[in-house]
Each structure stands twice: as structure tokens, then as C-alpha cells.
Amino acid sequence: MIWLMRLPGLVATAIALAQCGAAADHPSAQFANELIEMQMYLPDPENGHYE
């Protein structure tokens, strides 16, 4: 039952993260094999990181 109380918070967090990720267009590299897929965001050439 405790998960039911946490569900609205988890949904709101997922929506917020999805919107933040969609707005940013940072350079990235994608790697995949038959077991795993991943996307790495490359560092900013000027600052070394994103804020």
C-alpha cells in the first residue's frame, strides 16, 4: 500500500525529467549490443560539463 502513496510523486518526477531531457539538445553518443543500450552525453567543449 505504501507504493500507492508514492505513485503520484513518481509520476510527477518522471514527467518533469522527460520534459527537461526533451528540451536540451546536447551532443551525445549511443552504444548498444544485444544486452544493453545506453546513451552518454558528451562534455561541453568550452566548460567541460552542462549545468
C-alpha atoms as a PDB file:
ATOM      1  CA  MET A   1       0.000   0.000   0.000  1.00  0.00           C
ATOM      2  CA  ILE A   2       2.866   2.403   0.615  1.00  0.00           C
ATOM      3  CA  TRP A   3       3.747   2.319  -3.083  1.00  0.00           C
ATOM      4  CA  LEU A   4       0.282   3.655  -3.814  1.00  0.00           C
ATOM      5  CA  MET A   5       1.028   6.759  -1.751  1.00  0.00           C
ATOM      6  CA  ARG A   6       4.330   7.275  -3.601  1.00  0.00           C
ATOM      7  CA  LEU A   7       2.850   6.811  -7.077  1.00  0.00           C
ATOM      8  CA  PRO A   8       1.790  10.471  -7.686  1.00  0.00           C
ATOM      9  CA  GLY A   9       5.261  11.691  -6.712  1.00  0.00           C
ATOM     10  CA  LEU A  10       6.947   9.181  -9.002  1.00  0.00           C
ATOM     11  CA  VAL A  11       4.696  10.123 -11.918  1.00  0.00           C
ATOM     12  CA  ALA A  12       5.350  13.846 -11.387  1.00  0.00           C
ATOM     13  CA  THR A  13       9.110  13.223 -11.229  1.00  0.00           C
ATOM     14  CA  ALA A  14       9.043  11.150 -14.411  1.00  0.00           C
ATOM     15  CA  ILE A  15       7.119  13.849 -16.276  1.00  0.00           C
ATOM     16  CA  ALA A  16       9.486  16.592 -15.081  1.00  0.00           C
ATOM     17  CA  LEU A  17      12.561  14.605 -16.097  1.00  0.00           C
ATOM     18  CA  ALA A  18      11.093  13.787 -19.504  1.00  0.00           C
ATOM     19  CA  GLN A  19      10.402  17.456 -20.195  1.00  0.00           C
ATOM     20  CA  CYS A  20      13.877  18.554 -19.106  1.00  0.00           C
ATOM     21  CA  GLY A  21      15.527  15.909 -21.247  1.00  0.00           C
ATOM     22  CA  ALA A  22      13.475  16.788 -24.312  1.00  0.00           C
ATOM     23  CA  ALA A  23      14.302  20.496 -24.107  1.00  0.00           C
ATOM     24  CA  ALA A  24      18.066  20.037 -24.063  1.00  0.00           C
ATOM     25  CA  ASP A  25      19.881  19.209 -27.272  1.00  0.00           C
ATOM     26  CA  HIS A  26      23.341  18.214 -26.060  1.00  0.00           C
ATOM     27  CA  PRO A  27      25.840  16.181 -28.073  1.00  0.00           C
ATOM     28  CA  SER A  28      25.678  12.511 -27.208  1.00  0.00           C
ATOM     29  CA  ALA A  29      26.945   9.101 -28.237  1.00  0.00           C
ATOM     30  CA  GLN A  30      24.872   5.916 -28.279  1.00  0.00           C
ATOM     31  CA  PHE A  31      26.209   2.441 -27.607  1.00  0.00           C
ATOM     32  CA  ALA A  32      24.320  -0.821 -27.905  1.00  0.00           C
ATOM     33  CA  ASN A  33      24.773  -4.561 -28.050  1.00  0.00           C
ATOM     34  CA  GLU A  34      22.433  -7.500 -27.616  1.00  0.00           C
ATOM     35  CA  LEU A  35      22.259  -6.996 -23.832  1.00  0.00           C
ATOM     36  CA  ILE A  36      22.241  -3.251 -23.205  1.00  0.00           C
ATOM     37  CA  GLU A  37      21.591   0.107 -24.822  1.00  0.00           C
ATOM     38  CA  MET A  38      22.985   3.352 -23.431  1.00  0.00           C
ATOM     39  CA  GLN A  39      23.324   6.986 -24.352  1.00  0.00           C
ATOM     40  CA  MET A  40      26.178   9.095 -22.997  1.00  0.00           C
ATOM     41  CA  TYR A  41      26.107  12.872 -23.036  1.00  0.00           C
ATOM     42  CA  LEU A  42      29.444  14.255 -24.155  1.00  0.00           C
ATOM     43  CA  PRO A  43      31.117  17.076 -22.213  1.00  0.00           C
ATOM     44  CA  ASP A  44      30.757  20.676 -23.294  1.00  0.00           C
ATOM     45  CA  PRO A  45      33.901  21.655 -25.250  1.00  0.00           C
ATOM     46  CA  GLU A  46      34.129  25.047 -23.531  1.00  0.00           C
ATOM     47  CA  ASN A  47      33.110  24.305 -19.927  1.00  0.00           C
ATOM     48  CA  GLY A  48      33.626  20.565 -19.668  1.00  0.00           C
ATOM     49  CA  HIS A  49      30.106  19.972 -18.269  1.00  0.00           C
ATOM     50  CA  TYR A  50      26.499  21.070 -18.510  1.00  0.00           C
ATOM     51  CA  GLU A  51      24.603  22.917 -15.808  1.00  0.00           C
END
